[in-house]
Full PDB file with SEQRES, HELIX, SHEET, SSBOND, CRYST1, ORIGX, SCALE, CONECT and MASTER records, all heavy atoms in Angstrom:
SEQRES   1 A   40  TYR VAL ASN SER VAL LYS GLY ARG ALA THR ILE SER ARG          
SEQRES   2 A   40  ASP ASN ALA LYS ASN THR ALA TYR LEU GLN MET ASN SER          
SEQRES   3 A   40  LEU LYS PRO GLU ASP THR ALA VAL TYR TYR CYS LYS ARG          
SEQRES   4 A   40  TYR                                                          
HELIX    1 AA1 ASN A    3  VAL A    5  5                                   3    
HELIX    2 AA2 ASN A   15  LYS A   17  5                                   3    
HELIX    3 AA3 PRO A   29  ASP A   31  5                                   3    
SHEET    1 AA1 2 ALA A   9  ASP A  14  0                                        
SHEET    2 AA1 2 THR A  19  MET A  24 -1                                        
CRYST1    1.000    1.000    1.000  90.00  90.00  90.00 P 1           1          
ORIGX1      1.000000  0.000000  0.000000        0.00000                         
ORIGX2      0.000000  1.000000  0.000000        0.00000                         
ORIGX3      0.000000  0.000000  1.000000        0.00000                         
SCALE1      1.000000  0.000000  0.000000        0.00000                         
SCALE2      0.000000  1.000000  0.000000        0.00000                         
SCALE3      0.000000  0.000000  1.000000        0.00000                         
ATOM      1  N   TYR A   1     133.560 -63.176  22.745  1.00  0.00           N  
ATOM      2  CA  TYR A   1     133.354 -63.235  24.210  1.00  0.00           C  
ATOM      3  C   TYR A   1     131.914 -63.013  24.598  1.00  0.00           C  
ATOM      4  O   TYR A   1     131.082 -62.395  23.790  1.00  0.00           O  
ATOM      5  CB  TYR A   1     134.143 -62.065  24.901  1.00  0.00           C  
ATOM      6  CG  TYR A   1     135.584 -62.052  24.572  1.00  0.00           C  
ATOM      7  CD1 TYR A   1     136.104 -61.345  23.485  1.00  0.00           C  
ATOM      8  CD2 TYR A   1     136.539 -62.849  25.338  1.00  0.00           C  
ATOM      9  CE1 TYR A   1     137.469 -61.384  23.194  1.00  0.00           C  
ATOM     10  CE2 TYR A   1     137.813 -62.799  25.053  1.00  0.00           C  
ATOM     11  CZ  TYR A   1     138.353 -62.063  23.980  1.00  0.00           C  
ATOM     12  OH  TYR A   1     139.691 -62.094  23.716  1.00  0.00           O  
ATOM     13  N   VAL A   2     131.559 -63.569  25.687  1.00  0.00           N  
ATOM     14  CA  VAL A   2     130.241 -63.279  26.252  1.00  0.00           C  
ATOM     15  C   VAL A   2     130.191 -61.882  26.738  1.00  0.00           C  
ATOM     16  O   VAL A   2     131.263 -61.254  27.039  1.00  0.00           O  
ATOM     17  CB  VAL A   2     129.963 -64.224  27.477  1.00  0.00           C  
ATOM     18  CG1 VAL A   2     130.761 -63.937  28.619  1.00  0.00           C  
ATOM     19  CG2 VAL A   2     128.438 -64.145  27.795  1.00  0.00           C  
ATOM     20  N   ASN A   3     129.017 -61.206  26.610  1.00  0.00           N  
ATOM     21  CA  ASN A   3     128.945 -59.720  26.748  1.00  0.00           C  
ATOM     22  C   ASN A   3     129.516 -59.325  28.223  1.00  0.00           C  
ATOM     23  O   ASN A   3     130.140 -58.322  28.340  1.00  0.00           O  
ATOM     24  CB  ASN A   3     127.545 -59.244  26.677  1.00  0.00           C  
ATOM     25  CG  ASN A   3     127.138 -59.167  25.174  1.00  0.00           C  
ATOM     26  OD1 ASN A   3     127.978 -59.077  24.296  1.00  0.00           O  
ATOM     27  ND2 ASN A   3     125.871 -59.215  25.001  1.00  0.00           N  
ATOM     28  N   SER A   4     129.277 -60.195  29.134  1.00  0.00           N  
ATOM     29  CA  SER A   4     129.639 -59.860  30.516  1.00  0.00           C  
ATOM     30  C   SER A   4     131.173 -59.710  30.752  1.00  0.00           C  
ATOM     31  O   SER A   4     131.566 -59.117  31.803  1.00  0.00           O  
ATOM     32  CB  SER A   4     129.043 -60.879  31.564  1.00  0.00           C  
ATOM     33  OG  SER A   4     129.662 -62.128  31.262  1.00  0.00           O  
ATOM     34  N   VAL A   5     132.014 -60.235  29.849  1.00  0.00           N  
ATOM     35  CA  VAL A   5     133.450 -60.144  30.052  1.00  0.00           C  
ATOM     36  C   VAL A   5     134.164 -59.341  28.968  1.00  0.00           C  
ATOM     37  O   VAL A   5     135.369 -59.158  28.977  1.00  0.00           O  
ATOM     38  CB  VAL A   5     134.134 -61.553  30.130  1.00  0.00           C  
ATOM     39  CG1 VAL A   5     133.453 -62.394  31.195  1.00  0.00           C  
ATOM     40  CG2 VAL A   5     134.084 -62.219  28.794  1.00  0.00           C  
ATOM     41  N   LYS A   6     133.337 -58.830  27.964  1.00  0.00           N  
ATOM     42  CA  LYS A   6     133.934 -58.140  26.916  1.00  0.00           C  
ATOM     43  C   LYS A   6     134.622 -56.797  27.477  1.00  0.00           C  
ATOM     44  O   LYS A   6     134.127 -56.167  28.328  1.00  0.00           O  
ATOM     45  CB  LYS A   6     132.865 -57.685  25.959  1.00  0.00           C  
ATOM     46  CG  LYS A   6     132.475 -58.727  24.988  1.00  0.00           C  
ATOM     47  CD  LYS A   6     131.421 -58.264  23.969  1.00  0.00           C  
ATOM     48  CE  LYS A   6     131.003 -59.343  23.017  1.00  0.00           C  
ATOM     49  NZ  LYS A   6     129.885 -58.970  22.108  1.00  0.00           N  
ATOM     50  N   GLY A   7     135.836 -56.600  26.992  1.00  0.00           N  
ATOM     51  CA  GLY A   7     136.628 -55.485  27.476  1.00  0.00           C  
ATOM     52  C   GLY A   7     137.490 -55.852  28.700  1.00  0.00           C  
ATOM     53  O   GLY A   7     138.368 -55.092  29.090  1.00  0.00           O  
ATOM     54  N   ARG A   8     137.263 -56.955  29.336  1.00  0.00           N  
ATOM     55  CA  ARG A   8     137.959 -57.403  30.470  1.00  0.00           C  
ATOM     56  C   ARG A   8     138.743 -58.674  30.356  1.00  0.00           C  
ATOM     57  O   ARG A   8     139.713 -58.959  31.066  1.00  0.00           O  
ATOM     58  CB  ARG A   8     137.003 -57.553  31.678  1.00  0.00           C  
ATOM     59  CG  ARG A   8     136.216 -56.333  32.099  1.00  0.00           C  
ATOM     60  CD  ARG A   8     135.475 -56.414  33.309  1.00  0.00           C  
ATOM     61  NE  ARG A   8     134.444 -57.496  33.355  1.00  0.00           N  
ATOM     62  CZ  ARG A   8     134.517 -58.630  33.958  1.00  0.00           C  
ATOM     63  NH1 ARG A   8     135.556 -58.753  34.894  1.00  0.00           N  
ATOM     64  NH2 ARG A   8     133.555 -59.488  33.903  1.00  0.00           N  
ATOM     65  N   ALA A   9     138.437 -59.450  29.392  1.00  0.00           N  
ATOM     66  CA  ALA A   9     138.979 -60.752  29.122  1.00  0.00           C  
ATOM     67  C   ALA A   9     139.677 -60.895  27.671  1.00  0.00           C  
ATOM     68  O   ALA A   9     139.224 -60.255  26.827  1.00  0.00           O  
ATOM     69  CB  ALA A   9     137.993 -61.875  29.278  1.00  0.00           C  
ATOM     70  N   THR A  10     140.709 -61.623  27.716  1.00  0.00           N  
ATOM     71  CA  THR A  10     141.385 -61.896  26.444  1.00  0.00           C  
ATOM     72  C   THR A  10     141.723 -63.403  26.343  1.00  0.00           C  
ATOM     73  O   THR A  10     142.442 -63.879  27.232  1.00  0.00           O  
ATOM     74  CB  THR A  10     142.653 -61.095  26.347  1.00  0.00           C  
ATOM     75  OG1 THR A  10     142.449 -59.671  26.440  1.00  0.00           O  
ATOM     76  CG2 THR A  10     143.337 -61.327  24.979  1.00  0.00           C  
ATOM     77  N   ILE A  11     141.195 -64.040  25.372  1.00  0.00           N  
ATOM     78  CA  ILE A  11     141.503 -65.473  25.119  1.00  0.00           C  
ATOM     79  C   ILE A  11     142.634 -65.511  24.088  1.00  0.00           C  
ATOM     80  O   ILE A  11     142.671 -64.626  23.115  1.00  0.00           O  
ATOM     81  CB  ILE A  11     140.314 -66.277  24.619  1.00  0.00           C  
ATOM     82  CG1 ILE A  11     140.593 -67.726  24.533  1.00  0.00           C  
ATOM     83  CG2 ILE A  11     139.752 -65.705  23.345  1.00  0.00           C  
ATOM     84  CD1 ILE A  11     139.408 -68.665  24.272  1.00  0.00           C  
ATOM     85  N   SER A  12     143.579 -66.332  24.260  1.00  0.00           N  
ATOM     86  CA  SER A  12     144.674 -66.402  23.279  1.00  0.00           C  
ATOM     87  C   SER A  12     145.145 -67.925  23.340  1.00  0.00           C  
ATOM     88  O   SER A  12     144.625 -68.749  24.014  1.00  0.00           O  
ATOM     89  CB  SER A  12     145.886 -65.566  23.689  1.00  0.00           C  
ATOM     90  OG  SER A  12     146.331 -65.894  25.029  1.00  0.00           O  
ATOM     91  N   ARG A  13     146.017 -68.208  22.345  1.00  0.00           N  
ATOM     92  CA  ARG A  13     146.555 -69.612  22.266  1.00  0.00           C  
ATOM     93  C   ARG A  13     147.979 -69.539  21.822  1.00  0.00           C  
ATOM     94  O   ARG A  13     148.413 -68.705  21.122  1.00  0.00           O  
ATOM     95  CB  ARG A  13     145.746 -70.395  21.238  1.00  0.00           C  
ATOM     96  CG  ARG A  13     145.709 -69.953  19.803  1.00  0.00           C  
ATOM     97  CD  ARG A  13     144.683 -70.626  19.042  1.00  0.00           C  
ATOM     98  NE  ARG A  13     144.882 -72.085  19.028  1.00  0.00           N  
ATOM     99  CZ  ARG A  13     143.898 -72.950  18.809  1.00  0.00           C  
ATOM    100  NH1 ARG A  13     142.678 -72.529  18.550  1.00  0.00           N  
ATOM    101  NH2 ARG A  13     144.125 -74.237  18.817  1.00  0.00           N  
ATOM    102  N   ASP A  14     148.748 -70.444  22.300  1.00  0.00           N  
ATOM    103  CA  ASP A  14     150.141 -70.712  21.876  1.00  0.00           C  
ATOM    104  C   ASP A  14     150.189 -72.093  21.341  1.00  0.00           C  
ATOM    105  O   ASP A  14     150.284 -73.034  22.114  1.00  0.00           O  
ATOM    106  CB  ASP A  14     151.102 -70.501  23.034  1.00  0.00           C  
ATOM    107  CG  ASP A  14     152.557 -70.542  22.669  1.00  0.00           C  
ATOM    108  OD1 ASP A  14     152.862 -71.131  21.555  1.00  0.00           O  
ATOM    109  OD2 ASP A  14     153.397 -70.007  23.415  1.00  0.00           O  
ATOM    110  N   ASN A  15     150.212 -72.217  20.010  1.00  0.00           N  
ATOM    111  CA  ASN A  15     150.141 -73.621  19.384  1.00  0.00           C  
ATOM    112  C   ASN A  15     151.409 -74.433  19.652  1.00  0.00           C  
ATOM    113  O   ASN A  15     151.429 -75.579  19.662  1.00  0.00           O  
ATOM    114  CB  ASN A  15     149.897 -73.423  17.936  1.00  0.00           C  
ATOM    115  CG  ASN A  15     148.527 -73.020  17.636  1.00  0.00           C  
ATOM    116  OD1 ASN A  15     147.530 -73.208  18.447  1.00  0.00           O  
ATOM    117  ND2 ASN A  15     148.224 -72.498  16.344  1.00  0.00           N  
ATOM    118  N   ALA A  16     152.538 -73.665  19.782  1.00  0.00           N  
ATOM    119  CA  ALA A  16     153.844 -74.280  20.030  1.00  0.00           C  
ATOM    120  C   ALA A  16     153.797 -75.001  21.349  1.00  0.00           C  
ATOM    121  O   ALA A  16     154.552 -75.932  21.652  1.00  0.00           O  
ATOM    122  CB  ALA A  16     155.003 -73.374  19.954  1.00  0.00           C  
ATOM    123  N   LYS A  17     153.029 -74.439  22.382  1.00  0.00           N  
ATOM    124  CA  LYS A  17     152.942 -75.095  23.673  1.00  0.00           C  
ATOM    125  C   LYS A  17     151.612 -75.870  23.913  1.00  0.00           C  
ATOM    126  O   LYS A  17     151.438 -76.366  25.024  1.00  0.00           O  
ATOM    127  CB  LYS A  17     152.945 -73.993  24.757  1.00  0.00           C  
ATOM    128  CG  LYS A  17     154.320 -73.212  24.760  1.00  0.00           C  
ATOM    129  CD  LYS A  17     154.269 -72.122  25.937  1.00  0.00           C  
ATOM    130  CE  LYS A  17     155.600 -71.467  25.974  1.00  0.00           C  
ATOM    131  NZ  LYS A  17     155.589 -70.405  27.122  1.00  0.00           N  
ATOM    132  N   ASN A  18     150.805 -76.024  22.887  1.00  0.00           N  
ATOM    133  CA  ASN A  18     149.537 -76.683  23.003  1.00  0.00           C  
ATOM    134  C   ASN A  18     148.696 -76.171  24.211  1.00  0.00           C  
ATOM    135  O   ASN A  18     148.141 -76.914  25.015  1.00  0.00           O  
ATOM    136  CB  ASN A  18     149.654 -78.234  23.167  1.00  0.00           C  
ATOM    137  CG  ASN A  18     150.116 -78.881  21.874  1.00  0.00           C  
ATOM    138  OD1 ASN A  18     150.335 -78.199  20.844  1.00  0.00           O  
ATOM    139  ND2 ASN A  18     150.274 -80.183  21.935  1.00  0.00           N  
ATOM    140  N   THR A  19     148.683 -74.887  24.286  1.00  0.00           N  
ATOM    141  CA  THR A  19     148.007 -74.222  25.482  1.00  0.00           C  
ATOM    142  C   THR A  19     147.171 -73.020  25.118  1.00  0.00           C  
ATOM    143  O   THR A  19     147.619 -72.257  24.219  1.00  0.00           O  
ATOM    144  CB  THR A  19     149.114 -73.744  26.487  1.00  0.00           C  
ATOM    145  OG1 THR A  19     149.907 -74.862  26.904  1.00  0.00           O  
ATOM    146  CG2 THR A  19     148.500 -73.042  27.662  1.00  0.00           C  
ATOM    147  N   ALA A  20     145.985 -72.944  25.607  1.00  0.00           N  
ATOM    148  CA  ALA A  20     145.139 -71.853  25.486  1.00  0.00           C  
ATOM    149  C   ALA A  20     145.123 -71.052  26.832  1.00  0.00           C  
ATOM    150  O   ALA A  20     145.317 -71.601  27.890  1.00  0.00           O  
ATOM    151  CB  ALA A  20     143.732 -72.256  25.138  1.00  0.00           C  
ATOM    152  N   TYR A  21     144.891 -69.789  26.708  1.00  0.00           N  
ATOM    153  CA  TYR A  21     144.895 -68.878  27.941  1.00  0.00           C  
ATOM    154  C   TYR A  21     143.604 -68.044  28.004  1.00  0.00           C  
ATOM    155  O   TYR A  21     142.960 -67.710  27.010  1.00  0.00           O  
ATOM    156  CB  TYR A  21     146.102 -67.956  27.883  1.00  0.00           C  
ATOM    157  CG  TYR A  21     147.432 -68.684  27.734  1.00  0.00           C  
ATOM    158  CD1 TYR A  21     147.952 -68.827  26.447  1.00  0.00           C  
ATOM    159  CD2 TYR A  21     148.070 -69.106  28.890  1.00  0.00           C  
ATOM    160  CE1 TYR A  21     149.247 -69.483  26.409  1.00  0.00           C  
ATOM    161  CE2 TYR A  21     149.299 -69.784  28.804  1.00  0.00           C  
ATOM    162  CZ  TYR A  21     149.786 -69.914  27.483  1.00  0.00           C  
ATOM    163  OH  TYR A  21     151.038 -70.506  27.425  1.00  0.00           O  
ATOM    164  N   LEU A  22     143.233 -67.619  29.192  1.00  0.00           N  
ATOM    165  CA  LEU A  22     142.277 -66.636  29.408  1.00  0.00           C  
ATOM    166  C   LEU A  22     142.715 -65.622  30.423  1.00  0.00           C  
ATOM    167  O   LEU A  22     142.962 -65.923  31.593  1.00  0.00           O  
ATOM    168  CB  LEU A  22     140.921 -67.213  29.901  1.00  0.00           C  
ATOM    169  CG  LEU A  22     139.749 -66.231  30.021  1.00  0.00           C  
ATOM    170  CD1 LEU A  22     139.348 -65.733  28.696  1.00  0.00           C  
ATOM    171  CD2 LEU A  22     138.594 -66.917  30.848  1.00  0.00           C  
ATOM    172  N   GLN A  23     143.121 -64.469  29.830  1.00  0.00           N  
ATOM    173  CA  GLN A  23     143.489 -63.313  30.757  1.00  0.00           C  
ATOM    174  C   GLN A  23     142.301 -62.663  31.185  1.00  0.00           C  
ATOM    175  O   GLN A  23     141.561 -62.088  30.333  1.00  0.00           O  
ATOM    176  CB  GLN A  23     144.506 -62.405  30.031  1.00  0.00           C  
ATOM    177  CG  GLN A  23     144.935 -61.159  30.771  1.00  0.00           C  
ATOM    178  CD  GLN A  23     145.783 -61.479  31.893  1.00  0.00           C  
ATOM    179  OE1 GLN A  23     146.686 -62.229  31.815  1.00  0.00           O  
ATOM    180  NE2 GLN A  23     145.661 -60.795  33.053  1.00  0.00           N  
ATOM    181  N   MET A  24     142.104 -62.389  32.472  1.00  0.00           N  
ATOM    182  CA  MET A  24     140.916 -61.722  32.987  1.00  0.00           C  
ATOM    183  C   MET A  24     141.425 -60.505  33.911  1.00  0.00           C  
ATOM    184  O   MET A  24     142.160 -60.801  34.846  1.00  0.00           O  
ATOM    185  CB  MET A  24     140.078 -62.651  33.805  1.00  0.00           C  
ATOM    186  CG  MET A  24     139.495 -63.760  32.888  1.00  0.00           C  
ATOM    187  SD  MET A  24     138.017 -64.507  33.627  1.00  0.00           S  
ATOM    188  CE  MET A  24     138.705 -65.070  35.222  1.00  0.00           C  
ATOM    189  N   ASN A  25     140.967 -59.331  33.539  1.00  0.00           N  
ATOM    190  CA  ASN A  25     141.283 -58.224  34.273  1.00  0.00           C  
ATOM    191  C   ASN A  25     140.025 -57.580  34.901  1.00  0.00           C  
ATOM    192  O   ASN A  25     138.868 -57.923  34.586  1.00  0.00           O  
ATOM    193  CB  ASN A  25     141.987 -57.127  33.419  1.00  0.00           C  
ATOM    194  CG  ASN A  25     143.220 -57.612  32.724  1.00  0.00           C  
ATOM    195  OD1 ASN A  25     143.962 -58.347  33.296  1.00  0.00           O  
ATOM    196  ND2 ASN A  25     143.410 -57.246  31.433  1.00  0.00           N  
ATOM    197  N   SER A  26     140.187 -56.591  35.781  1.00  0.00           N  
ATOM    198  CA  SER A  26     139.095 -55.880  36.459  1.00  0.00           C  
ATOM    199  C   SER A  26     138.093 -56.860  36.895  1.00  0.00           C  
ATOM    200  O   SER A  26     136.934 -56.779  36.705  1.00  0.00           O  
ATOM    201  CB  SER A  26     138.504 -54.902  35.488  1.00  0.00           C  
ATOM    202  OG  SER A  26     139.437 -53.982  35.062  1.00  0.00           O  
ATOM    203  N   LEU A  27     138.457 -57.978  37.677  1.00  0.00           N  
ATOM    204  CA  LEU A  27     137.665 -59.042  38.057  1.00  0.00           C  
ATOM    205  C   LEU A  27     136.585 -58.508  38.991  1.00  0.00           C  
ATOM    206  O   LEU A  27     136.837 -57.640  39.923  1.00  0.00           O  
ATOM    207  CB  LEU A  27     138.446 -60.152  38.775  1.00  0.00           C  
ATOM    208  CG  LEU A  27     139.179 -61.013  37.692  1.00  0.00           C  
ATOM    209  CD1 LEU A  27     140.314 -61.679  38.335  1.00  0.00           C  
ATOM    210  CD2 LEU A  27     138.252 -61.977  37.044  1.00  0.00           C  
ATOM    211  N   LYS A  28     135.437 -59.122  38.873  1.00  0.00           N  
ATOM    212  CA  LYS A  28     134.248 -58.775  39.723  1.00  0.00           C  
ATOM    213  C   LYS A  28     133.845 -60.016  40.538  1.00  0.00           C  
ATOM    214  O   LYS A  28     134.088 -61.110  40.061  1.00  0.00           O  
ATOM    215  CB  LYS A  28     133.096 -58.282  38.908  1.00  0.00           C  
ATOM    216  CG  LYS A  28     133.428 -57.138  37.946  1.00  0.00           C  
ATOM    217  CD  LYS A  28     132.275 -56.865  37.043  1.00  0.00           C  
ATOM    218  CE  LYS A  28     132.576 -55.741  36.082  1.00  0.00           C  
ATOM    219  NZ  LYS A  28     131.461 -55.407  35.129  1.00  0.00           N  
ATOM    220  N   PRO A  29     133.078 -59.802  41.621  1.00  0.00           N  
ATOM    221  CA  PRO A  29     132.609 -60.975  42.407  1.00  0.00           C  
ATOM    222  C   PRO A  29     131.706 -61.850  41.533  1.00  0.00           C  
ATOM    223  O   PRO A  29     131.763 -63.058  41.692  1.00  0.00           O  
ATOM    224  CB  PRO A  29     131.748 -60.330  43.455  1.00  0.00           C  
ATOM    225  CG  PRO A  29     132.439 -59.025  43.745  1.00  0.00           C  
ATOM    226  CD  PRO A  29     132.886 -58.547  42.369  1.00  0.00           C  
ATOM    227  N   GLU A  30     131.062 -61.311  40.508  1.00  0.00           N  
ATOM    228  CA  GLU A  30     130.195 -62.026  39.613  1.00  0.00           C  
ATOM    229  C   GLU A  30     131.055 -63.006  38.668  1.00  0.00           C  
ATOM    230  O   GLU A  30     130.477 -63.922  38.060  1.00  0.00           O  
ATOM    231  CB  GLU A  30     129.366 -61.211  38.730  1.00  0.00           C  
ATOM    232  CG  GLU A  30     128.560 -60.178  39.538  1.00  0.00           C  
ATOM    233  CD  GLU A  30     129.274 -58.828  39.564  1.00  0.00           C  
ATOM    234  OE1 GLU A  30     129.129 -58.010  38.706  1.00  0.00           O  
ATOM    235  OE2 GLU A  30     130.041 -58.643  40.646  1.00  0.00           O  
ATOM    236  N   ASP A  31     132.401 -62.829  38.629  1.00  0.00           N  
ATOM    237  CA  ASP A  31     133.231 -63.747  37.852  1.00  0.00           C  
ATOM    238  C   ASP A  31     133.641 -64.886  38.687  1.00  0.00           C  
ATOM    239  O   ASP A  31     134.197 -65.843  38.117  1.00  0.00           O  
ATOM    240  CB  ASP A  31     134.429 -63.005  37.515  1.00  0.00           C  
ATOM    241  CG  ASP A  31     134.314 -61.878  36.576  1.00  0.00           C  
ATOM    242  OD1 ASP A  31     133.473 -61.962  35.616  1.00  0.00           O  
ATOM    243  OD2 ASP A  31     134.878 -60.733  36.752  1.00  0.00           O  
ATOM    244  N   THR A  32     133.236 -65.032  39.952  1.00  0.00           N  
ATOM    245  CA  THR A  32     133.522 -66.184  40.735  1.00  0.00           C  
ATOM    246  C   THR A  32     132.857 -67.426  40.215  1.00  0.00           C  
ATOM    247  O   THR A  32     131.634 -67.525  39.954  1.00  0.00           O  
ATOM    248  CB  THR A  32     133.057 -65.986  42.240  1.00  0.00           C  
ATOM    249  OG1 THR A  32     133.864 -64.917  42.711  1.00  0.00           O  
ATOM    250  CG2 THR A  32     133.244 -67.259  43.056  1.00  0.00           C  
ATOM    251  N   ALA A  33     133.695 -68.473  39.854  1.00  0.00           N  
ATOM    252  CA  ALA A  33     133.145 -69.652  39.288  1.00  0.00           C  
ATOM    253  C   ALA A  33     134.305 -70.657  39.046  1.00  0.00           C  
ATOM    254  O   ALA A  33     135.466 -70.300  39.232  1.00  0.00           O  
ATOM    255  CB  ALA A  33     132.555 -69.346  37.818  1.00  0.00           C  
ATOM    256  N   VAL A  34     133.940 -71.889  38.635  1.00  0.00           N  
ATOM    257  CA  VAL A  34     134.962 -72.816  38.208  1.00  0.00           C  
ATOM    258  C   VAL A  34     135.120 -72.644  36.682  1.00  0.00           C  
ATOM    259  O   VAL A  34     134.081 -72.684  36.028  1.00  0.00           O  
ATOM    260  CB  VAL A  34     134.552 -74.277  38.546  1.00  0.00           C  
ATOM    261  CG1 VAL A  34     135.645 -75.224  38.045  1.00  0.00           C  
ATOM    262  CG2 VAL A  34     134.452 -74.430  40.032  1.00  0.00           C  
ATOM    263  N   TYR A  35     136.250 -72.444  36.184  1.00  0.00           N  
ATOM    264  CA  TYR A  35     136.510 -72.191  34.772  1.00  0.00           C  
ATOM    265  C   TYR A  35     137.025 -73.431  34.111  1.00  0.00           C  
ATOM    266  O   TYR A  35     137.918 -74.134  34.619  1.00  0.00           O  
ATOM    267  CB  TYR A  35     137.477 -71.071  34.635  1.00  0.00           C  
ATOM    268  CG  TYR A  35     136.855 -69.697  34.811  1.00  0.00           C  
ATOM    269  CD1 TYR A  35     136.527 -69.306  36.176  1.00  0.00           C  
ATOM    270  CD2 TYR A  35     136.601 -68.817  33.837  1.00  0.00           C  
ATOM    271  CE1 TYR A  35     135.950 -68.079  36.370  1.00  0.00           C  
ATOM    272  CE2 TYR A  35     135.940 -67.584  34.017  1.00  0.00           C  
ATOM    273  CZ  TYR A  35     135.650 -67.217  35.334  1.00  0.00           C  
ATOM    274  OH  TYR A  35     135.087 -66.008  35.568  1.00  0.00           O  
ATOM    275  N   TYR A  36     136.475 -73.780  33.027  1.00  0.00           N  
ATOM    276  CA  TYR A  36     136.751 -74.963  32.240  1.00  0.00           C  
ATOM    277  C   TYR A  36     137.240 -74.594  30.779  1.00  0.00           C  
ATOM    278  O   TYR A  36     136.682 -73.606  30.271  1.00  0.00           O  
ATOM    279  CB  TYR A  36     135.633 -75.920  32.136  1.00  0.00           C  
ATOM    280  CG  TYR A  36     135.008 -76.359  33.433  1.00  0.00           C  
ATOM    281  CD1 TYR A  36     134.036 -75.655  34.094  1.00  0.00           C  
ATOM    282  CD2 TYR A  36     135.451 -77.560  33.972  1.00  0.00           C  
ATOM    283  CE1 TYR A  36     133.514 -76.063  35.236  1.00  0.00           C  
ATOM    284  CE2 TYR A  36     134.904 -77.990  35.238  1.00  0.00           C  
ATOM    285  CZ  TYR A  36     133.874 -77.254  35.885  1.00  0.00           C  
ATOM    286  OH  TYR A  36     133.338 -77.589  37.004  1.00  0.00           O  
ATOM    287  N   CYS A  37     138.040 -75.417  30.208  1.00  0.00           N  
ATOM    288  CA  CYS A  37     138.396 -75.177  28.790  1.00  0.00           C  
ATOM    289  C   CYS A  37     138.073 -76.527  28.052  1.00  0.00           C  
ATOM    290  O   CYS A  37     138.108 -77.622  28.705  1.00  0.00           O  
ATOM    291  CB  CYS A  37     139.813 -74.767  28.542  1.00  0.00           C  
ATOM    292  SG  CYS A  37     141.098 -75.979  29.018  1.00  0.00           S  
ATOM    293  N   LYS A  38     137.810 -76.418  26.806  1.00  0.00           N  
ATOM    294  CA  LYS A  38     137.671 -77.616  25.907  1.00  0.00           C  
ATOM    295  C   LYS A  38     137.655 -77.160  24.493  1.00  0.00           C  
ATOM    296  O   LYS A  38     137.608 -76.050  24.178  1.00  0.00           O  
ATOM    297  CB  LYS A  38     136.242 -78.300  26.196  1.00  0.00           C  
ATOM    298  CG  LYS A  38     135.050 -77.570  25.859  1.00  0.00           C  
ATOM    299  CD  LYS A  38     133.749 -78.297  26.186  1.00  0.00           C  
ATOM    300  CE  LYS A  38     133.627 -79.560  25.282  1.00  0.00           C  
ATOM    301  NZ  LYS A  38     133.366 -79.204  23.845  1.00  0.00           N  
ATOM    302  N   ARG A  39     137.702 -78.191  23.590  1.00  0.00           N  
ATOM    303  CA  ARG A  39     137.597 -77.918  22.164  1.00  0.00           C  
ATOM    304  C   ARG A  39     136.226 -77.330  21.941  1.00  0.00           C  
ATOM    305  O   ARG A  39     135.205 -77.927  22.376  1.00  0.00           O  
ATOM    306  CB  ARG A  39     137.779 -79.191  21.332  1.00  0.00           C  
ATOM    307  CG  ARG A  39     139.271 -79.626  21.390  1.00  0.00           C  
ATOM    308  CD  ARG A  39     139.554 -80.670  20.316  1.00  0.00           C  
ATOM    309  NE  ARG A  39     138.843 -81.870  20.611  1.00  0.00           N  
ATOM    310  CZ  ARG A  39     138.832 -82.921  19.784  1.00  0.00           C  
ATOM    311  NH1 ARG A  39     139.567 -82.952  18.687  1.00  0.00           N  
ATOM    312  NH2 ARG A  39     138.112 -83.997  20.076  1.00  0.00           N  
ATOM    313  N   TYR A  40     136.125 -76.277  21.118  1.00  0.00           N  
ATOM    314  CA  TYR A  40     134.822 -75.758  20.870  1.00  0.00           C  
ATOM    315  C   TYR A  40     134.022 -76.532  19.799  1.00  0.00           C  
ATOM    316  O   TYR A  40     134.634 -76.799  18.779  1.00  0.00           O  
ATOM    317  CB  TYR A  40     134.945 -74.276  20.368  1.00  0.00           C  
ATOM    318  CG  TYR A  40     133.769 -73.522  20.157  1.00  0.00           C  
ATOM    319  CD1 TYR A  40     132.814 -73.301  21.187  1.00  0.00           C  
ATOM    320  CD2 TYR A  40     133.406 -73.066  18.914  1.00  0.00           C  
ATOM    321  CE1 TYR A  40     131.662 -72.596  21.022  1.00  0.00           C  
ATOM    322  CE2 TYR A  40     132.198 -72.365  18.671  1.00  0.00           C  
ATOM    323  CZ  TYR A  40     131.283 -72.212  19.798  1.00  0.00           C  
ATOM    324  OH  TYR A  40     130.185 -71.525  19.558  1.00  0.00           O  
TER     325      TYR A  40                                                      
MASTER        0    0    0    3    2    0    0    6  324    1    0    4          
END                                                                             
């Protein structure tokens, strides 16, 4: 994780569903953005 979201975000994946997730808690105004996913 990038330092700014450590402790607040959890990335996970469900291979059976071909889906990745980003759980974000304790959200801050600085988290406001368009969020994208892609193969790393």
